[in-house]
């Protein structure tokens, strides 16, 4: 078994000829959200993936093996519910409302400009249909949002995961006399 413990998001920085020679692995969302799993790649090799806890693998990511080999991840088609607005009975804003209600239920959701995707759930499907949305059972890849605090797999904004940040925070505080001071207020109680 070849062990893979390094992840390169979307193959960033890797030469295209290297990526073309990489073996592939096709994984559904259930497997890609785990940081440790075993599978078989496109050449039949046994693969063990051991990533830092909390890491989610996305379609297009590249895993680097202990032997230096590359493994390109593809998101497998799987059963999902595709949610679109009903042009006869609703508006595109209905998708925003649906995303809000699904988010309140902590449902993994893929957001697209013209549709949403969730894992199959008949109760949620009925709720969405009651909101005048069209809900279709399809077999497609599923790439849900990573959430506000990320899962080491969502969108990145100009910095790598390989360093930490230190932040100083000033906080408001209340004194015994009942009034509150903000972070930059200096007051002599003498």
N, C-alpha and C. Protein backbone atom coordinates (compact mmCIF):
# COMPACT_ATOMS: atom_id res chain seq x y z
N UNK A 1 0.84 -1.18 0.00
CA UNK A 1 0.00 0.00 0.00
C UNK A 1 0.89 1.24 0.00
N UNK A 2 0.53 2.19 -0.85
CA UNK A 2 1.26 3.46 -0.91
C UNK A 2 0.53 4.47 -0.02
N UNK A 3 1.28 5.15 0.83
CA UNK A 3 0.70 6.13 1.75
C UNK A 3 0.79 7.52 1.14
N UNK A 4 -0.31 8.26 1.25
CA UNK A 4 -0.40 9.63 0.76
C UNK A 4 -0.76 10.52 1.94
N UNK A 5 0.13 11.48 2.26
CA UNK A 5 -0.13 12.33 3.42
C UNK A 5 0.05 13.81 3.11
N UNK A 6 0.19 14.15 1.84
CA UNK A 6 0.31 15.57 1.45
C UNK A 6 -0.76 15.85 0.42
N UNK A 7 -1.37 17.03 0.54
CA UNK A 7 -2.43 17.45 -0.37
C UNK A 7 -2.04 18.75 -1.05
N UNK A 8 -2.18 18.80 -2.36
CA UNK A 8 -1.94 20.03 -3.12
C UNK A 8 -3.29 20.46 -3.68
N UNK A 9 -3.82 21.58 -3.14
CA UNK A 9 -5.13 22.07 -3.55
C UNK A 9 -5.17 22.34 -5.04
N UNK A 10 -6.07 21.66 -5.72
CA UNK A 10 -6.32 21.84 -7.15
C UNK A 10 -5.04 21.71 -7.97
N UNK A 11 -4.04 21.02 -7.44
CA UNK A 11 -2.79 20.80 -8.17
C UNK A 11 -1.99 22.07 -8.38
N UNK A 12 -2.26 23.11 -7.58
CA UNK A 12 -1.59 24.41 -7.75
C UNK A 12 -0.08 24.27 -7.70
N UNK A 13 0.58 24.81 -8.71
CA UNK A 13 2.03 24.83 -8.76
C UNK A 13 2.64 23.58 -9.38
N UNK A 14 1.83 22.59 -9.70
CA UNK A 14 2.36 21.38 -10.32
C UNK A 14 2.32 21.51 -11.85
N UNK A 15 3.36 21.04 -12.49
CA UNK A 15 3.45 21.13 -13.94
C UNK A 15 2.39 20.25 -14.60
N UNK A 16 1.80 20.75 -15.69
CA UNK A 16 0.76 20.00 -16.39
C UNK A 16 1.22 18.62 -16.87
N UNK A 17 2.47 18.48 -17.36
CA UNK A 17 2.90 17.13 -17.77
C UNK A 17 2.91 16.14 -16.58
N UNK A 18 3.24 16.63 -15.38
CA UNK A 18 3.19 15.76 -14.20
C UNK A 18 1.75 15.33 -13.89
N UNK A 19 0.83 16.28 -13.99
CA UNK A 19 -0.57 15.97 -13.71
C UNK A 19 -1.14 14.99 -14.74
N UNK A 20 -0.70 15.11 -15.99
CA UNK A 20 -1.20 14.20 -17.03
C UNK A 20 -0.76 12.76 -16.76
N UNK A 21 0.39 12.59 -16.13
CA UNK A 21 0.90 11.24 -15.83
C UNK A 21 0.37 10.69 -14.51
N UNK A 22 -0.29 11.53 -13.73
CA UNK A 22 -0.78 11.11 -12.42
C UNK A 22 -1.91 10.08 -12.56
N UNK A 23 -1.92 9.14 -11.65
CA UNK A 23 -3.04 8.21 -11.56
C UNK A 23 -4.21 8.97 -10.96
N UNK A 24 -5.39 8.40 -11.07
CA UNK A 24 -6.58 9.06 -10.52
C UNK A 24 -7.27 8.17 -9.52
N UNK A 25 -8.09 8.81 -8.71
CA UNK A 25 -8.96 8.11 -7.79
C UNK A 25 -10.29 8.86 -7.80
N UNK A 26 -11.37 8.10 -7.92
CA UNK A 26 -12.71 8.69 -7.99
C UNK A 26 -13.41 8.39 -6.66
N UNK A 27 -13.75 9.47 -5.93
CA UNK A 27 -14.29 9.32 -4.58
C UNK A 27 -15.57 10.13 -4.41
N UNK A 28 -16.54 9.56 -3.70
CA UNK A 28 -17.75 10.32 -3.40
C UNK A 28 -17.52 11.22 -2.19
N UNK A 29 -18.50 12.06 -1.88
CA UNK A 29 -18.36 13.03 -0.81
C UNK A 29 -18.14 12.36 0.54
N UNK A 30 -18.81 11.24 0.78
CA UNK A 30 -18.67 10.56 2.06
C UNK A 30 -17.21 10.21 2.35
N UNK A 31 -16.48 9.77 1.35
CA UNK A 31 -15.07 9.41 1.53
C UNK A 31 -14.20 10.67 1.56
N UNK A 32 -14.47 11.64 0.67
CA UNK A 32 -13.61 12.83 0.56
C UNK A 32 -13.64 13.71 1.80
N UNK A 33 -14.67 13.58 2.64
CA UNK A 33 -14.70 14.40 3.85
C UNK A 33 -13.97 13.74 5.01
N UNK A 34 -13.42 12.57 4.79
CA UNK A 34 -12.63 11.88 5.82
C UNK A 34 -11.15 12.20 5.60
N UNK A 35 -10.41 12.31 6.67
CA UNK A 35 -8.98 12.62 6.53
C UNK A 35 -8.13 11.36 6.46
N UNK A 36 -8.73 10.21 6.76
CA UNK A 36 -8.00 8.94 6.68
C UNK A 36 -8.91 7.90 6.03
N UNK A 37 -8.43 7.32 4.92
CA UNK A 37 -9.21 6.29 4.24
C UNK A 37 -8.30 5.47 3.33
N UNK A 38 -8.80 4.32 2.93
CA UNK A 38 -8.09 3.45 1.98
C UNK A 38 -8.94 3.31 0.74
N UNK A 39 -8.27 3.21 -0.42
CA UNK A 39 -8.98 3.06 -1.68
C UNK A 39 -8.04 2.42 -2.70
N UNK A 40 -8.49 2.30 -3.91
CA UNK A 40 -7.68 1.77 -5.01
C UNK A 40 -7.64 2.81 -6.12
N UNK A 41 -6.46 3.08 -6.68
CA UNK A 41 -6.36 4.10 -7.73
C UNK A 41 -6.61 3.50 -9.11
N UNK A 42 -6.52 4.34 -10.14
CA UNK A 42 -6.84 3.93 -11.51
C UNK A 42 -5.92 2.86 -12.07
N UNK A 43 -4.77 2.65 -11.44
CA UNK A 43 -3.86 1.60 -11.92
C UNK A 43 -3.97 0.33 -11.07
N UNK A 44 -4.91 0.34 -10.11
CA UNK A 44 -5.11 -0.83 -9.27
C UNK A 44 -4.27 -0.89 -8.01
N UNK A 45 -3.50 0.17 -7.73
CA UNK A 45 -2.66 0.20 -6.53
C UNK A 45 -3.51 0.45 -5.28
N UNK A 46 -3.16 -0.20 -4.17
CA UNK A 46 -3.79 0.10 -2.89
C UNK A 46 -3.23 1.41 -2.37
N UNK A 47 -4.12 2.27 -1.93
CA UNK A 47 -3.75 3.61 -1.50
C UNK A 47 -4.27 3.85 -0.09
N UNK A 48 -3.41 4.36 0.78
CA UNK A 48 -3.82 4.78 2.11
C UNK A 48 -3.62 6.27 2.24
N UNK A 49 -4.69 6.99 2.54
CA UNK A 49 -4.62 8.45 2.66
C UNK A 49 -4.65 8.79 4.15
N UNK A 50 -3.65 9.56 4.58
CA UNK A 50 -3.50 9.97 5.98
C UNK A 50 -3.22 11.46 6.03
N UNK A 51 -4.27 12.27 6.07
CA UNK A 51 -4.14 13.73 6.07
C UNK A 51 -4.42 14.27 7.48
N UNK A 52 -4.02 15.51 7.76
CA UNK A 52 -4.32 16.09 9.06
C UNK A 52 -5.82 16.05 9.34
N UNK A 53 -6.17 15.78 10.58
CA UNK A 53 -7.59 15.70 10.97
C UNK A 53 -8.32 16.96 10.53
N UNK A 54 -9.53 16.77 10.03
CA UNK A 54 -10.35 17.90 9.60
C UNK A 54 -10.15 18.28 8.14
N UNK A 55 -9.19 17.67 7.47
CA UNK A 55 -8.93 17.99 6.06
C UNK A 55 -9.98 17.32 5.19
N UNK A 56 -10.54 18.07 4.27
CA UNK A 56 -11.49 17.54 3.30
C UNK A 56 -10.84 17.58 1.93
N UNK A 57 -10.99 16.50 1.20
CA UNK A 57 -10.42 16.42 -0.15
C UNK A 57 -11.49 16.82 -1.15
N UNK A 58 -11.12 17.68 -2.08
CA UNK A 58 -12.05 18.18 -3.11
C UNK A 58 -11.67 17.61 -4.47
N UNK A 59 -12.66 17.51 -5.34
CA UNK A 59 -12.39 17.12 -6.72
C UNK A 59 -11.39 18.08 -7.33
N UNK A 60 -10.35 17.57 -7.99
CA UNK A 60 -9.31 18.41 -8.58
C UNK A 60 -8.07 18.52 -7.70
N UNK A 61 -8.19 18.12 -6.43
CA UNK A 61 -7.02 18.13 -5.55
C UNK A 61 -6.06 17.03 -5.97
N UNK A 62 -4.80 17.17 -5.58
CA UNK A 62 -3.77 16.18 -5.90
C UNK A 62 -3.13 15.72 -4.59
N UNK A 63 -3.04 14.42 -4.43
CA UNK A 63 -2.38 13.82 -3.27
C UNK A 63 -0.97 13.41 -3.68
N UNK A 64 -0.01 13.60 -2.78
CA UNK A 64 1.38 13.24 -3.05
C UNK A 64 1.73 12.06 -2.14
N UNK A 65 2.22 10.99 -2.78
CA UNK A 65 2.54 9.76 -2.05
C UNK A 65 3.93 9.78 -1.44
N UNK A 66 4.14 8.87 -0.49
CA UNK A 66 5.44 8.73 0.15
C UNK A 66 6.52 8.38 -0.87
N UNK A 67 6.11 7.76 -1.97
CA UNK A 67 7.06 7.40 -3.03
C UNK A 67 7.22 8.51 -4.07
N UNK A 68 6.56 9.66 -3.85
CA UNK A 68 6.65 10.80 -4.77
C UNK A 68 5.61 10.77 -5.87
N UNK A 69 4.80 9.72 -5.93
CA UNK A 69 3.79 9.65 -6.98
C UNK A 69 2.63 10.60 -6.69
N UNK A 70 1.96 11.00 -7.76
CA UNK A 70 0.83 11.92 -7.65
C UNK A 70 -0.47 11.16 -7.91
N UNK A 71 -1.50 11.58 -7.22
CA UNK A 71 -2.81 10.97 -7.34
C UNK A 71 -3.84 12.08 -7.46
N UNK A 72 -4.47 12.19 -8.63
CA UNK A 72 -5.44 13.25 -8.86
C UNK A 72 -6.83 12.75 -8.43
N UNK A 73 -7.50 13.56 -7.62
CA UNK A 73 -8.80 13.21 -7.07
C UNK A 73 -9.90 13.72 -7.98
N UNK A 74 -10.86 12.84 -8.27
CA UNK A 74 -12.04 13.23 -9.03
C UNK A 74 -13.26 13.00 -8.14
N UNK A 75 -14.19 13.93 -8.18
CA UNK A 75 -15.43 13.79 -7.41
C UNK A 75 -16.35 12.83 -8.14
N UNK A 76 -16.71 11.73 -7.48
CA UNK A 76 -17.57 10.72 -8.10
C UNK A 76 -19.00 11.20 -8.20
N UNK A 77 -19.67 10.87 -9.29
CA UNK A 77 -21.12 11.13 -9.33
C UNK A 77 -21.79 10.30 -8.22
N UNK A 78 -22.78 10.89 -7.59
CA UNK A 78 -23.49 10.21 -6.52
C UNK A 78 -24.92 10.73 -6.47
N UNK A 79 -25.76 10.05 -5.75
CA UNK A 79 -27.16 10.47 -5.63
C UNK A 79 -27.23 11.78 -4.85
N UNK A 80 -27.81 12.80 -5.46
CA UNK A 80 -28.03 14.10 -4.82
C UNK A 80 -29.38 14.65 -5.25
N UNK A 81 -29.84 15.63 -4.52
CA UNK A 81 -31.04 16.36 -4.92
C UNK A 81 -30.60 17.68 -5.53
N UNK A 82 -31.04 17.94 -6.76
CA UNK A 82 -30.71 19.18 -7.46
C UNK A 82 -31.92 20.09 -7.33
N UNK A 83 -31.71 21.27 -6.76
CA UNK A 83 -32.80 22.19 -6.43
C UNK A 83 -32.70 23.41 -7.34
N UNK A 84 -33.78 23.69 -8.05
CA UNK A 84 -33.83 24.85 -8.93
C UNK A 84 -35.13 25.62 -8.64
N UNK A 85 -35.16 26.87 -9.04
CA UNK A 85 -36.38 27.65 -8.81
C UNK A 85 -37.38 27.33 -9.91
N UNK A 86 -38.63 27.47 -9.58
CA UNK A 86 -39.74 27.22 -10.51
C UNK A 86 -40.12 28.55 -11.15
N UNK A 87 -39.82 28.71 -12.43
CA UNK A 87 -40.06 29.98 -13.11
C UNK A 87 -41.55 30.34 -13.15
N UNK A 88 -42.43 29.34 -13.06
CA UNK A 88 -43.87 29.60 -13.10
C UNK A 88 -44.39 30.09 -11.76
N UNK A 89 -43.91 29.48 -10.68
CA UNK A 89 -44.43 29.79 -9.35
C UNK A 89 -43.47 30.54 -8.43
N UNK A 90 -42.28 30.86 -8.89
CA UNK A 90 -41.31 31.49 -8.00
C UNK A 90 -40.33 32.38 -8.72
N UNK A 91 -39.23 32.69 -8.01
CA UNK A 91 -38.18 33.55 -8.56
C UNK A 91 -36.83 32.95 -8.17
N UNK A 92 -35.74 33.43 -8.80
CA UNK A 92 -34.41 32.95 -8.40
C UNK A 92 -34.10 33.20 -6.92
N UNK A 93 -34.73 34.22 -6.31
CA UNK A 93 -34.51 34.51 -4.89
C UNK A 93 -34.93 33.33 -4.01
N UNK A 94 -35.83 32.49 -4.50
CA UNK A 94 -36.26 31.32 -3.73
C UNK A 94 -35.07 30.41 -3.40
N UNK A 95 -34.06 30.38 -4.26
CA UNK A 95 -32.86 29.58 -3.98
C UNK A 95 -32.10 30.14 -2.78
N UNK A 96 -32.06 31.46 -2.66
CA UNK A 96 -31.42 32.10 -1.51
C UNK A 96 -32.16 31.72 -0.23
N UNK A 97 -33.48 31.79 -0.26
CA UNK A 97 -34.28 31.39 0.91
C UNK A 97 -34.03 29.93 1.25
N UNK A 98 -33.97 29.08 0.24
CA UNK A 98 -33.74 27.65 0.48
C UNK A 98 -32.37 27.43 1.12
N UNK A 99 -31.35 28.13 0.62
CA UNK A 99 -30.00 27.99 1.17
C UNK A 99 -29.99 28.43 2.64
N UNK A 100 -30.72 29.48 2.96
CA UNK A 100 -30.83 29.95 4.34
C UNK A 100 -31.43 28.87 5.24
N UNK A 101 -32.56 28.30 4.81
CA UNK A 101 -33.24 27.28 5.62
C UNK A 101 -32.41 26.01 5.75
N UNK A 102 -31.74 25.61 4.68
CA UNK A 102 -30.88 24.42 4.75
C UNK A 102 -29.68 24.68 5.65
N UNK A 103 -29.12 25.88 5.56
CA UNK A 103 -27.99 26.25 6.41
C UNK A 103 -28.36 26.23 7.88
N UNK A 104 -29.56 26.67 8.21
CA UNK A 104 -30.03 26.62 9.60
C UNK A 104 -30.12 25.20 10.12
N UNK A 105 -30.25 24.25 9.21
CA UNK A 105 -30.32 22.84 9.59
C UNK A 105 -28.95 22.17 9.49
N UNK A 106 -27.92 22.95 9.20
CA UNK A 106 -26.54 22.45 9.08
C UNK A 106 -26.42 21.32 8.05
N UNK A 107 -27.15 21.48 6.96
CA UNK A 107 -27.13 20.50 5.88
C UNK A 107 -25.97 20.81 4.95
N UNK A 108 -25.12 19.84 4.62
CA UNK A 108 -24.08 20.10 3.62
C UNK A 108 -24.77 20.47 2.30
N UNK A 109 -24.33 21.58 1.71
CA UNK A 109 -25.01 22.11 0.53
C UNK A 109 -24.00 22.64 -0.48
N UNK A 110 -24.20 22.29 -1.72
CA UNK A 110 -23.40 22.85 -2.81
C UNK A 110 -24.17 24.02 -3.39
N UNK A 111 -23.53 25.18 -3.44
CA UNK A 111 -24.16 26.40 -3.95
C UNK A 111 -23.66 26.69 -5.35
N UNK A 112 -24.58 26.84 -6.27
CA UNK A 112 -24.28 27.26 -7.63
C UNK A 112 -25.16 28.46 -7.96
N UNK A 113 -24.83 29.20 -9.00
CA UNK A 113 -25.60 30.39 -9.35
C UNK A 113 -27.06 30.07 -9.68
N UNK A 114 -27.29 28.92 -10.30
CA UNK A 114 -28.65 28.60 -10.76
C UNK A 114 -29.27 27.37 -10.08
N UNK A 115 -28.57 26.76 -9.13
CA UNK A 115 -29.12 25.60 -8.43
C UNK A 115 -28.36 25.32 -7.14
N UNK A 116 -28.95 24.49 -6.32
CA UNK A 116 -28.34 24.00 -5.09
C UNK A 116 -28.31 22.48 -5.18
N UNK A 117 -27.43 21.85 -4.42
CA UNK A 117 -27.42 20.40 -4.32
C UNK A 117 -27.28 20.00 -2.86
N UNK A 118 -28.05 18.98 -2.48
CA UNK A 118 -27.93 18.40 -1.14
C UNK A 118 -27.99 16.89 -1.28
N UNK A 119 -27.59 16.21 -0.21
CA UNK A 119 -27.72 14.76 -0.20
C UNK A 119 -29.20 14.40 -0.09
N UNK A 120 -29.60 13.23 -0.59
CA UNK A 120 -31.02 12.86 -0.57
C UNK A 120 -31.62 12.87 0.84
N UNK A 121 -32.78 13.50 0.96
CA UNK A 121 -33.51 13.56 2.22
C UNK A 121 -34.96 13.91 1.87
N UNK A 122 -35.87 12.96 2.04
CA UNK A 122 -37.26 13.18 1.61
C UNK A 122 -37.97 14.29 2.40
N UNK A 123 -37.63 14.45 3.68
CA UNK A 123 -38.25 15.50 4.49
C UNK A 123 -37.84 16.88 3.96
N UNK A 124 -36.53 17.05 3.68
CA UNK A 124 -36.06 18.33 3.13
C UNK A 124 -36.61 18.55 1.72
N UNK A 125 -36.71 17.48 0.94
CA UNK A 125 -37.26 17.61 -0.42
C UNK A 125 -38.69 18.13 -0.35
N UNK A 126 -39.51 17.59 0.58
CA UNK A 126 -40.89 18.05 0.74
C UNK A 126 -40.93 19.51 1.16
N UNK A 127 -40.04 19.91 2.10
CA UNK A 127 -39.99 21.30 2.55
C UNK A 127 -39.67 22.22 1.37
N UNK A 128 -38.70 21.83 0.56
CA UNK A 128 -38.29 22.66 -0.58
C UNK A 128 -39.40 22.77 -1.62
N UNK A 129 -40.08 21.66 -1.86
CA UNK A 129 -41.20 21.71 -2.82
C UNK A 129 -42.32 22.62 -2.30
N UNK A 130 -42.54 22.62 -0.99
CA UNK A 130 -43.54 23.51 -0.39
C UNK A 130 -43.14 24.98 -0.56
N UNK A 131 -41.84 25.22 -0.76
CA UNK A 131 -41.34 26.58 -0.99
C UNK A 131 -41.36 26.92 -2.49
N UNK A 132 -42.06 26.10 -3.28
CA UNK A 132 -42.21 26.29 -4.72
C UNK A 132 -40.91 26.12 -5.49
N UNK A 133 -40.05 25.22 -5.00
CA UNK A 133 -38.81 24.91 -5.71
C UNK A 133 -38.94 23.56 -6.38
N UNK A 134 -38.19 23.37 -7.45
CA UNK A 134 -38.15 22.07 -8.13
C UNK A 134 -37.01 21.26 -7.51
N UNK A 135 -37.29 20.03 -7.17
CA UNK A 135 -36.31 19.13 -6.55
C UNK A 135 -36.24 17.87 -7.39
N UNK A 136 -35.07 17.61 -7.98
CA UNK A 136 -34.89 16.45 -8.83
C UNK A 136 -33.78 15.56 -8.28
N UNK A 137 -34.05 14.26 -8.23
CA UNK A 137 -33.03 13.29 -7.84
C UNK A 137 -32.14 13.05 -9.07
N UNK A 138 -30.83 13.30 -8.90
CA UNK A 138 -29.88 13.14 -10.00
C UNK A 138 -28.64 12.42 -9.49
N UNK A 139 -27.80 12.03 -10.40
CA UNK A 139 -26.53 11.39 -10.06
C UNK A 139 -25.42 12.29 -10.59
N UNK A 140 -24.86 13.14 -9.71
CA UNK A 140 -23.84 14.12 -10.09
C UNK A 140 -22.80 14.22 -8.98
N UNK A 141 -21.68 14.86 -9.30
CA UNK A 141 -20.66 15.10 -8.26
C UNK A 141 -21.25 16.05 -7.22
N UNK A 142 -20.68 16.00 -6.01
CA UNK A 142 -21.18 16.82 -4.91
C UNK A 142 -20.01 17.49 -4.21
N UNK A 143 -19.98 18.82 -4.24
CA UNK A 143 -18.92 19.61 -3.62
C UNK A 143 -19.55 20.65 -2.70
N UNK A 144 -19.99 20.25 -1.50
CA UNK A 144 -20.64 21.21 -0.60
C UNK A 144 -19.68 22.28 -0.11
N UNK A 145 -20.25 23.40 0.30
CA UNK A 145 -19.48 24.50 0.86
C UNK A 145 -18.74 24.03 2.10
N UNK A 146 -17.62 24.70 2.37
CA UNK A 146 -16.81 24.30 3.52
C UNK A 146 -17.24 24.95 4.82
N UNK A 147 -18.09 25.93 4.78
CA UNK A 147 -18.54 26.58 6.01
C UNK A 147 -17.73 27.83 6.30
N UNK A 148 -18.21 28.60 7.22
CA UNK A 148 -17.60 29.90 7.53
C UNK A 148 -16.18 29.77 8.05
N UNK A 149 -15.88 28.69 8.76
CA UNK A 149 -14.56 28.55 9.34
C UNK A 149 -13.67 27.60 8.55
N UNK A 150 -14.17 27.14 7.41
CA UNK A 150 -13.36 26.30 6.53
C UNK A 150 -13.18 24.89 7.04
N UNK A 151 -12.74 24.05 6.12
CA UNK A 151 -12.45 22.66 6.46
C UNK A 151 -11.13 22.28 5.84
N UNK A 152 -10.30 23.27 5.61
CA UNK A 152 -9.03 23.10 4.91
C UNK A 152 -9.29 22.66 3.48
N UNK A 153 -10.50 22.89 3.00
CA UNK A 153 -10.80 22.40 1.67
C UNK A 153 -11.56 23.38 0.81
N UNK A 154 -12.08 24.42 1.37
CA UNK A 154 -12.91 25.34 0.61
C UNK A 154 -12.07 26.31 -0.19
N UNK A 155 -12.54 27.51 -0.28
CA UNK A 155 -11.84 28.52 -1.06
C UNK A 155 -10.74 29.14 -0.20
N UNK A 156 -9.62 29.45 -0.82
CA UNK A 156 -8.50 30.05 -0.09
C UNK A 156 -8.28 31.46 -0.60
N UNK A 157 -7.84 32.32 0.28
CA UNK A 157 -7.70 33.72 -0.07
C UNK A 157 -6.29 34.23 0.18
N UNK A 158 -5.37 33.87 -0.68
CA UNK A 158 -4.07 34.49 -0.70
C UNK A 158 -3.07 34.06 0.34
N UNK A 159 -3.28 32.99 1.08
CA UNK A 159 -2.25 32.52 1.98
C UNK A 159 -2.30 31.01 2.05
N UNK A 160 -1.20 30.41 2.41
CA UNK A 160 -1.13 28.95 2.45
C UNK A 160 -1.56 28.44 3.82
N UNK A 161 -1.84 27.14 3.90
CA UNK A 161 -2.22 26.52 5.16
C UNK A 161 -1.00 26.18 6.01
N UNK A 162 0.20 26.46 5.52
CA UNK A 162 1.41 26.00 6.18
C UNK A 162 1.98 26.99 7.19
N UNK A 163 1.23 28.02 7.54
CA UNK A 163 1.73 28.95 8.56
C UNK A 163 0.58 29.37 9.45
N UNK A 164 0.93 29.90 10.59
CA UNK A 164 -0.11 30.34 11.52
C UNK A 164 -0.09 31.85 11.63
N UNK A 165 -1.17 32.36 12.16
CA UNK A 165 -1.29 33.80 12.38
C UNK A 165 -1.46 34.03 13.86
N UNK A 166 -0.87 35.10 14.34
CA UNK A 166 -1.12 35.50 15.70
C UNK A 166 -1.85 36.82 15.65
N UNK A 167 -2.90 36.92 16.42
CA UNK A 167 -3.70 38.14 16.44
C UNK A 167 -3.85 38.60 17.88
N UNK A 168 -3.65 39.88 18.12
CA UNK A 168 -3.91 40.45 19.43
C UNK A 168 -5.32 41.02 19.41
N UNK A 169 -6.07 40.77 20.45
CA UNK A 169 -7.43 41.26 20.52
C UNK A 169 -7.62 42.07 21.79
N UNK A 170 -8.14 43.28 21.64
CA UNK A 170 -8.53 44.08 22.80
C UNK A 170 -10.02 43.88 22.99
N UNK A 171 -10.46 43.79 24.20
CA UNK A 171 -11.86 43.57 24.47
C UNK A 171 -12.37 44.62 25.43
N UNK A 172 -13.63 44.99 25.26
CA UNK A 172 -14.27 45.91 26.19
C UNK A 172 -14.42 45.22 27.54
N UNK A 173 -14.47 46.02 28.60
CA UNK A 173 -14.60 45.43 29.93
C UNK A 173 -15.46 46.34 30.79
N UNK A 174 -16.07 45.73 31.78
CA UNK A 174 -16.94 46.47 32.69
C UNK A 174 -16.28 46.56 34.06
N UNK A 175 -16.38 47.74 34.67
CA UNK A 175 -15.81 47.94 36.00
C UNK A 175 -16.89 47.77 37.06
N UNK A 176 -16.46 47.71 38.31
CA UNK A 176 -17.38 47.52 39.43
C UNK A 176 -18.41 48.63 39.54
N UNK A 177 -18.08 49.82 39.02
CA UNK A 177 -19.02 50.93 39.15
C UNK A 177 -20.12 50.88 38.09
N UNK A 178 -20.14 49.82 37.26
CA UNK A 178 -21.25 49.60 36.35
C UNK A 178 -21.09 50.15 34.95
N UNK A 179 -20.04 50.91 34.67
CA UNK A 179 -19.91 51.41 33.31
C UNK A 179 -18.88 50.59 32.53
N UNK A 180 -19.00 50.65 31.21
CA UNK A 180 -18.19 49.80 30.32
C UNK A 180 -17.16 50.65 29.60
N UNK A 181 -15.96 50.11 29.46
CA UNK A 181 -14.90 50.76 28.69
C UNK A 181 -14.59 49.91 27.48
N UNK A 182 -14.44 50.56 26.35
CA UNK A 182 -14.08 49.85 25.13
C UNK A 182 -12.59 49.58 25.09
N UNK A 183 -12.11 48.99 23.99
CA UNK A 183 -10.72 48.55 23.93
C UNK A 183 -9.69 49.67 23.93
N UNK A 184 -10.07 50.87 23.53
CA UNK A 184 -9.06 51.94 23.42
C UNK A 184 -9.32 53.08 24.40
N UNK A 185 -10.21 52.87 25.34
CA UNK A 185 -10.58 53.91 26.30
C UNK A 185 -9.66 53.85 27.52
N UNK A 186 -9.09 54.96 27.89
CA UNK A 186 -8.27 55.01 29.09
C UNK A 186 -9.02 55.89 30.10
N UNK A 187 -9.13 55.38 31.31
CA UNK A 187 -9.91 56.09 32.32
C UNK A 187 -9.24 55.86 33.67
N UNK A 188 -9.02 56.92 34.38
CA UNK A 188 -8.38 56.83 35.70
C UNK A 188 -9.47 56.70 36.76
N UNK A 189 -9.41 55.62 37.53
CA UNK A 189 -10.40 55.39 38.59
C UNK A 189 -9.85 55.78 39.94
N UNK A 190 -8.80 56.57 40.03
CA UNK A 190 -8.14 56.90 41.28
C UNK A 190 -8.74 57.99 42.00
